[in-house]
Amino acid sequence: MAKGKEIRVIVFLECTGCAQNDVNKKSPGISRYITQKNRHNTSSRLELRKFCRYCHKHTIHGEIKK
């Protein structure tokens, strides 16, 4: 069997609320999470609702390219 691209890949999730406020420097940082996704089942960008410790609320965290 030929070795191809790996099916499960590591992705980084970044808070969309902090990324927008980063221009105004209101938040002290940007919340990031690390997770895995199956490339065959989820070909589009991953978006999950996670807790942001800088915004102090649950926000949408979108996949970024690292």
PDB file of N, CA and C in Angstrom:
ATOM      1  N   MET A   1       0.837  -1.178   0.000  1.00  0.00           N
ATOM      2  CA  MET A   1       0.000   0.000   0.000  1.00  0.00           C
ATOM      3  C   MET A   1       0.886   1.246   0.000  1.00  0.00           C
ATOM      4  N   ALA A   2       0.561   2.172  -0.860  1.00  0.00           N
ATOM      5  CA  ALA A   2       1.360   3.387  -0.993  1.00  0.00           C
ATOM      6  C   ALA A   2       1.105   4.328   0.180  1.00  0.00           C
ATOM      7  N   LYS A   3       2.152   5.022   0.578  1.00  0.00           N
ATOM      8  CA  LYS A   3       2.009   5.981   1.672  1.00  0.00           C
ATOM      9  C   LYS A   3       1.614   7.326   1.086  1.00  0.00           C
ATOM     10  N   GLY A   4       0.463   7.827   1.515  1.00  0.00           N
ATOM     11  CA  GLY A   4      -0.019   9.116   1.027  1.00  0.00           C
ATOM     12  C   GLY A   4      -0.071  10.121   2.146  1.00  0.00           C
ATOM     13  N   LYS A   5      -0.935  11.105   1.988  1.00  0.00           N
ATOM     14  CA  LYS A   5      -1.110  12.089   3.045  1.00  0.00           C
ATOM     15  C   LYS A   5      -1.812  11.444   4.228  1.00  0.00           C
ATOM     16  N   GLU A   6      -1.471  11.898   5.403  1.00  0.00           N
ATOM     17  CA  GLU A   6      -2.109  11.358   6.597  1.00  0.00           C
ATOM     18  C   GLU A   6      -3.569  11.778   6.648  1.00  0.00           C
ATOM     19  N   ILE A   7      -4.402  10.885   7.170  1.00  0.00           N
ATOM     20  CA  ILE A   7      -5.836  11.160   7.224  1.00  0.00           C
ATOM     21  C   ILE A   7      -6.147  12.126   8.365  1.00  0.00           C
ATOM     22  N   ARG A   8      -5.595  11.876   9.549  1.00  0.00           N
ATOM     23  CA  ARG A   8      -5.841  12.761  10.690  1.00  0.00           C
ATOM     24  C   ARG A   8      -4.728  13.803  10.750  1.00  0.00           C
ATOM     25  N   VAL A   9      -5.135  15.067  10.799  1.00  0.00           N
ATOM     26  CA  VAL A   9      -4.167  16.163  10.829  1.00  0.00           C
ATOM     27  C   VAL A   9      -4.420  17.028  12.066  1.00  0.00           C
ATOM     28  N   ILE A  10      -3.365  17.655  12.551  1.00  0.00           N
ATOM     29  CA  ILE A  10      -3.462  18.558  13.695  1.00  0.00           C
ATOM     30  C   ILE A  10      -3.848  19.939  13.180  1.00  0.00           C
ATOM     31  N   VAL A  11      -4.866  20.548  13.806  1.00  0.00           N
ATOM     32  CA  VAL A  11      -5.315  21.887  13.406  1.00  0.00           C
ATOM     33  C   VAL A  11      -5.304  22.801  14.625  1.00  0.00           C
ATOM     34  N   PHE A  12      -5.143  24.091  14.379  1.00  0.00           N
ATOM     35  CA  PHE A  12      -5.154  25.101  15.422  1.00  0.00           C
ATOM     36  C   PHE A  12      -6.431  25.914  15.288  1.00  0.00           C
ATOM     37  N   LEU A  13      -7.133  26.121  16.409  1.00  0.00           N
ATOM     38  CA  LEU A  13      -8.351  26.921  16.431  1.00  0.00           C
ATOM     39  C   LEU A  13      -8.054  28.236  17.136  1.00  0.00           C
ATOM     40  N   GLU A  14      -8.477  29.346  16.535  1.00  0.00           N
ATOM     41  CA  GLU A  14      -8.215  30.670  17.090  1.00  0.00           C
ATOM     42  C   GLU A  14      -9.531  31.406  17.291  1.00  0.00           C
ATOM     43  N   CYS A  15      -9.643  32.143  18.392  1.00  0.00           N
ATOM     44  CA  CYS A  15     -10.856  32.898  18.710  1.00  0.00           C
ATOM     45  C   CYS A  15     -11.082  33.986  17.667  1.00  0.00           C
ATOM     46  N   THR A  16     -12.284  34.008  17.102  1.00  0.00           N
ATOM     47  CA  THR A  16     -12.597  35.029  16.098  1.00  0.00           C
ATOM     48  C   THR A  16     -12.871  36.375  16.755  1.00  0.00           C
ATOM     49  N   GLY A  17     -13.342  36.387  17.987  1.00  0.00           N
ATOM     50  CA  GLY A  17     -13.601  37.643  18.691  1.00  0.00           C
ATOM     51  C   GLY A  17     -12.320  38.360  19.062  1.00  0.00           C
ATOM     52  N   CYS A  18     -11.334  37.641  19.532  1.00  0.00           N
ATOM     53  CA  CYS A  18     -10.050  38.249  19.902  1.00  0.00           C
ATOM     54  C   CYS A  18      -9.291  38.719  18.667  1.00  0.00           C
ATOM     55  N   ALA A  19      -9.414  37.993  17.570  1.00  0.00           N
ATOM     56  CA  ALA A  19      -8.700  38.372  16.345  1.00  0.00           C
ATOM     57  C   ALA A  19      -9.221  39.704  15.815  1.00  0.00           C
ATOM     58  N   GLN A  20     -10.519  39.966  15.969  1.00  0.00           N
ATOM     59  CA  GLN A  20     -11.081  41.234  15.525  1.00  0.00           C
ATOM     60  C   GLN A  20     -10.684  42.367  16.456  1.00  0.00           C
ATOM     61  N   ASN A  21     -10.589  42.099  17.754  1.00  0.00           N
ATOM     62  CA  ASN A  21     -10.230  43.121  18.737  1.00  0.00           C
ATOM     63  C   ASN A  21      -8.730  43.335  18.826  1.00  0.00           C
ATOM     64  N   ASP A  22      -7.928  42.497  18.161  1.00  0.00           N
ATOM     65  CA  ASP A  22      -6.478  42.612  18.227  1.00  0.00           C
ATOM     66  C   ASP A  22      -6.004  43.934  17.618  1.00  0.00           C
ATOM     67  N   VAL A  23      -6.750  44.472  16.670  1.00  0.00           N
ATOM     68  CA  VAL A  23      -6.385  45.752  16.053  1.00  0.00           C
ATOM     69  C   VAL A  23      -6.503  46.871  17.083  1.00  0.00           C
ATOM     70  N   ASN A  24      -7.530  46.796  17.954  1.00  0.00           N
ATOM     71  CA  ASN A  24      -7.741  47.830  18.960  1.00  0.00           C
ATOM     72  C   ASN A  24      -6.937  47.594  20.236  1.00  0.00           C
ATOM     73  N   LYS A  25      -6.294  46.434  20.347  1.00  0.00           N
ATOM     74  CA  LYS A  25      -5.484  46.063  21.523  1.00  0.00           C
ATOM     75  C   LYS A  25      -6.304  46.053  22.809  1.00  0.00           C
ATOM     76  N   LYS A  26      -7.587  45.650  22.722  1.00  0.00           N
ATOM     77  CA  LYS A  26      -8.417  45.583  23.927  1.00  0.00           C
ATOM     78  C   LYS A  26      -8.141  44.322  24.738  1.00  0.00           C
ATOM     79  N   SER A  27      -7.830  43.207  24.067  1.00  0.00           N
ATOM     80  CA  SER A  27      -7.591  41.966  24.791  1.00  0.00           C
ATOM     81  C   SER A  27      -6.088  41.751  24.954  1.00  0.00           C
ATOM     82  N   PRO A  28      -5.676  41.105  26.049  1.00  0.00           N
ATOM     83  CA  PRO A  28      -4.254  40.892  26.291  1.00  0.00           C
ATOM     84  C   PRO A  28      -3.639  39.800  25.418  1.00  0.00           C
ATOM     85  N   GLY A  29      -4.468  38.986  24.749  1.00  0.00           N
ATOM     86  CA  GLY A  29      -3.943  37.917  23.915  1.00  0.00           C
ATOM     87  C   GLY A  29      -5.025  37.316  23.041  1.00  0.00           C
ATOM     88  N   ILE A  30      -4.683  36.239  22.351  1.00  0.00           N
ATOM     89  CA  ILE A  30      -5.626  35.539  21.489  1.00  0.00           C
ATOM     90  C   ILE A  30      -5.707  34.097  21.962  1.00  0.00           C
ATOM     91  N   SER A  31      -6.933  33.637  22.195  1.00  0.00           N
ATOM     92  CA  SER A  31      -7.162  32.276  22.651  1.00  0.00           C
ATOM     93  C   SER A  31      -6.952  31.293  21.506  1.00  0.00           C
ATOM     94  N   ARG A  32      -6.173  30.229  21.746  1.00  0.00           N
ATOM     95  CA  ARG A  32      -5.922  29.197  20.734  1.00  0.00           C
ATOM     96  C   ARG A  32      -6.086  27.816  21.345  1.00  0.00           C
ATOM     97  N   TYR A  33      -6.640  26.908  20.574  1.00  0.00           N
ATOM     98  CA  TYR A  33      -6.780  25.506  20.955  1.00  0.00           C
ATOM     99  C   TYR A  33      -6.135  24.646  19.882  1.00  0.00           C
ATOM    100  N   ILE A  34      -5.671  23.457  20.267  1.00  0.00           N
ATOM    101  CA  ILE A  34      -5.102  22.487  19.335  1.00  0.00           C
ATOM    102  C   ILE A  34      -5.991  21.256  19.358  1.00  0.00           C
ATOM    103  N   THR A  35      -6.352  20.745  18.171  1.00  0.00           N
ATOM    104  CA  THR A  35      -7.181  19.555  18.070  1.00  0.00           C
ATOM    105  C   THR A  35      -6.821  18.812  16.795  1.00  0.00           C
ATOM    106  N   GLN A  36      -7.484  17.692  16.547  1.00  0.00           N
ATOM    107  CA  GLN A  36      -7.270  16.914  15.340  1.00  0.00           C
ATOM    108  C   GLN A  36      -8.569  16.812  14.565  1.00  0.00           C
ATOM    109  N   LYS A  37      -8.445  16.644  13.251  1.00  0.00           N
ATOM    110  CA  LYS A  37      -9.633  16.418  12.432  1.00  0.00           C
ATOM    111  C   LYS A  37      -9.308  15.379  11.374  1.00  0.00           C
ATOM    112  N   ASN A  38     -10.346  14.705  10.912  1.00  0.00           N
ATOM    113  CA  ASN A  38     -10.213  13.720   9.854  1.00  0.00           C
ATOM    114  C   ASN A  38     -10.362  14.444   8.525  1.00  0.00           C
ATOM    115  N   ARG A  39      -9.347  14.414   7.708  1.00  0.00           N
ATOM    116  CA  ARG A  39      -9.329  15.155   6.447  1.00  0.00           C
ATOM    117  C   ARG A  39     -10.398  14.649   5.474  1.00  0.00           C
ATOM    118  N   HIS A  40     -10.701  13.351   5.503  1.00  0.00           N
ATOM    119  CA  HIS A  40     -11.690  12.801   4.577  1.00  0.00           C
ATOM    120  C   HIS A  40     -13.114  13.178   4.965  1.00  0.00           C
ATOM    121  N   ASN A  41     -13.433  13.182   6.250  1.00  0.00           N
ATOM    122  CA  ASN A  41     -14.787  13.501   6.700  1.00  0.00           C
ATOM    123  C   ASN A  41     -15.049  14.996   6.753  1.00  0.00           C
ATOM    124  N   THR A  42     -14.048  15.798   7.105  1.00  0.00           N
ATOM    125  CA  THR A  42     -14.202  17.240   7.249  1.00  0.00           C
ATOM    126  C   THR A  42     -13.177  17.932   6.360  1.00  0.00           C
ATOM    127  N   SER A  43     -13.558  18.161   5.115  1.00  0.00           N
ATOM    128  CA  SER A  43     -12.605  18.782   4.192  1.00  0.00           C
ATOM    129  C   SER A  43     -12.586  20.304   4.333  1.00  0.00           C
ATOM    130  N   SER A  44     -13.683  20.896   4.811  1.00  0.00           N
ATOM    131  CA  SER A  44     -13.740  22.353   4.975  1.00  0.00           C
ATOM    132  C   SER A  44     -13.082  22.766   6.295  1.00  0.00           C
ATOM    133  N   ARG A  45     -12.977  24.063   6.499  1.00  0.00           N
ATOM    134  CA  ARG A  45     -12.368  24.576   7.734  1.00  0.00           C
ATOM    135  C   ARG A  45     -13.263  24.292   8.923  1.00  0.00           C
ATOM    136  N   LEU A  46     -12.664  23.943  10.036  1.00  0.00           N
ATOM    137  CA  LEU A  46     -13.371  23.570  11.246  1.00  0.00           C
ATOM    138  C   LEU A  46     -13.689  24.811  12.073  1.00  0.00           C
ATOM    139  N   GLU A  47     -14.906  24.891  12.604  1.00  0.00           N
ATOM    140  CA  GLU A  47     -15.306  25.971  13.503  1.00  0.00           C
ATOM    141  C   GLU A  47     -16.020  25.350  14.700  1.00  0.00           C
ATOM    142  N   LEU A  48     -15.516  25.604  15.888  1.00  0.00           N
ATOM    143  CA  LEU A  48     -16.106  25.077  17.116  1.00  0.00           C
ATOM    144  C   LEU A  48     -16.358  26.212  18.094  1.00  0.00           C
ATOM    145  N   ARG A  49     -17.356  26.021  18.938  1.00  0.00           N
ATOM    146  CA  ARG A  49     -17.679  26.997  19.970  1.00  0.00           C
ATOM    147  C   ARG A  49     -16.930  26.600  21.239  1.00  0.00           C
ATOM    148  N   LYS A  50     -15.920  27.388  21.617  1.00  0.00           N
ATOM    149  CA  LYS A  50     -15.066  27.094  22.769  1.00  0.00           C
ATOM    150  C   LYS A  50     -15.022  28.307  23.699  1.00  0.00           C
ATOM    151  N   PHE A  51     -14.514  28.094  24.919  1.00  0.00           N
ATOM    152  CA  PHE A  51     -14.396  29.178  25.881  1.00  0.00           C
ATOM    153  C   PHE A  51     -13.111  29.954  25.635  1.00  0.00           C
ATOM    154  N   CYS A  52     -13.235  31.281  25.567  1.00  0.00           N
ATOM    155  CA  CYS A  52     -12.084  32.167  25.401  1.00  0.00           C
ATOM    156  C   CYS A  52     -11.781  32.793  26.759  1.00  0.00           C
ATOM    157  N   ARG A  53     -10.581  32.575  27.248  1.00  0.00           N
ATOM    158  CA  ARG A  53     -10.238  33.115  28.572  1.00  0.00           C
ATOM    159  C   ARG A  53      -9.955  34.610  28.535  1.00  0.00           C
ATOM    160  N   TYR A  54      -9.761  35.181  27.353  1.00  0.00           N
ATOM    161  CA  TYR A  54      -9.528  36.618  27.249  1.00  0.00           C
ATOM    162  C   TYR A  54     -10.832  37.391  27.093  1.00  0.00           C
ATOM    163  N   CYS A  55     -11.803  36.807  26.368  1.00  0.00           N
ATOM    164  CA  CYS A  55     -13.120  37.433  26.224  1.00  0.00           C
ATOM    165  C   CYS A  55     -14.030  37.088  27.404  1.00  0.00           C
ATOM    166  N   HIS A  56     -13.688  36.059  28.161  1.00  0.00           N
ATOM    167  CA  HIS A  56     -14.463  35.564  29.296  1.00  0.00           C
ATOM    168  C   HIS A  56     -15.855  35.100  28.893  1.00  0.00           C
ATOM    169  N   LYS A  57     -15.972  34.463  27.705  1.00  0.00           N
ATOM    170  CA  LYS A  57     -17.242  33.909  27.250  1.00  0.00           C
ATOM    171  C   LYS A  57     -16.967  32.877  26.153  1.00  0.00           C
ATOM    172  N   HIS A  58     -17.995  32.118  25.794  1.00  0.00           N
ATOM    173  CA  HIS A  58     -17.887  31.142  24.724  1.00  0.00           C
ATOM    174  C   HIS A  58     -18.013  31.864  23.377  1.00  0.00           C
ATOM    175  N   THR A  59     -17.027  31.649  22.510  1.00  0.00           N
ATOM    176  CA  THR A  59     -17.019  32.274  21.189  1.00  0.00           C
ATOM    177  C   THR A  59     -16.692  31.217  20.145  1.00  0.00           C
ATOM    178  N   ILE A  60     -16.843  31.573  18.885  1.00  0.00           N
ATOM    179  CA  ILE A  60     -16.514  30.669  17.801  1.00  0.00           C
ATOM    180  C   ILE A  60     -15.004  30.722  17.562  1.00  0.00           C
ATOM    181  N   HIS A  61     -14.395  29.549  17.547  1.00  0.00           N
ATOM    182  CA  HIS A  61     -12.981  29.423  17.263  1.00  0.00           C
ATOM    183  C   HIS A  61     -12.856  28.771  15.892  1.00  0.00           C
ATOM    184  N   GLY A  62     -12.185  29.438  14.965  1.00  0.00           N
ATOM    185  CA  GLY A  62     -12.041  28.948  13.605  1.00  0.00           C
ATOM    186  C   GLY A  62     -10.651  28.404  13.361  1.00  0.00           C
ATOM    187  N   GLU A  63     -10.558  27.502  12.406  1.00  0.00           N
ATOM    188  CA  GLU A  63      -9.292  26.882  12.060  1.00  0.00           C
ATOM    189  C   GLU A  63      -8.383  27.895  11.367  1.00  0.00           C
ATOM    190  N   ILE A  64      -7.115  27.915  11.772  1.00  0.00           N
ATOM    191  CA  ILE A  64      -6.138  28.793  11.131  1.00  0.00           C
ATOM    192  C   ILE A  64      -5.043  27.939  10.528  1.00  0.00           C
ATOM    193  N   LYS A  65      -4.291  28.516   9.632  1.00  0.00           N
ATOM    194  CA  LYS A  65      -3.187  27.817   9.011  1.00  0.00           C
ATOM    195  C   LYS A  65      -1.927  28.098   9.817  1.00  0.00           C
ATOM    196  N   LYS A  66      -1.214  27.090  10.167  1.00  0.00           N
ATOM    197  CA  LYS A  66      -0.025  27.252  10.993  1.00  0.00           C
ATOM    198  C   LYS A  66       1.176  26.761  10.250  1.00  0.00           C
TER     199      LYS A  66
END
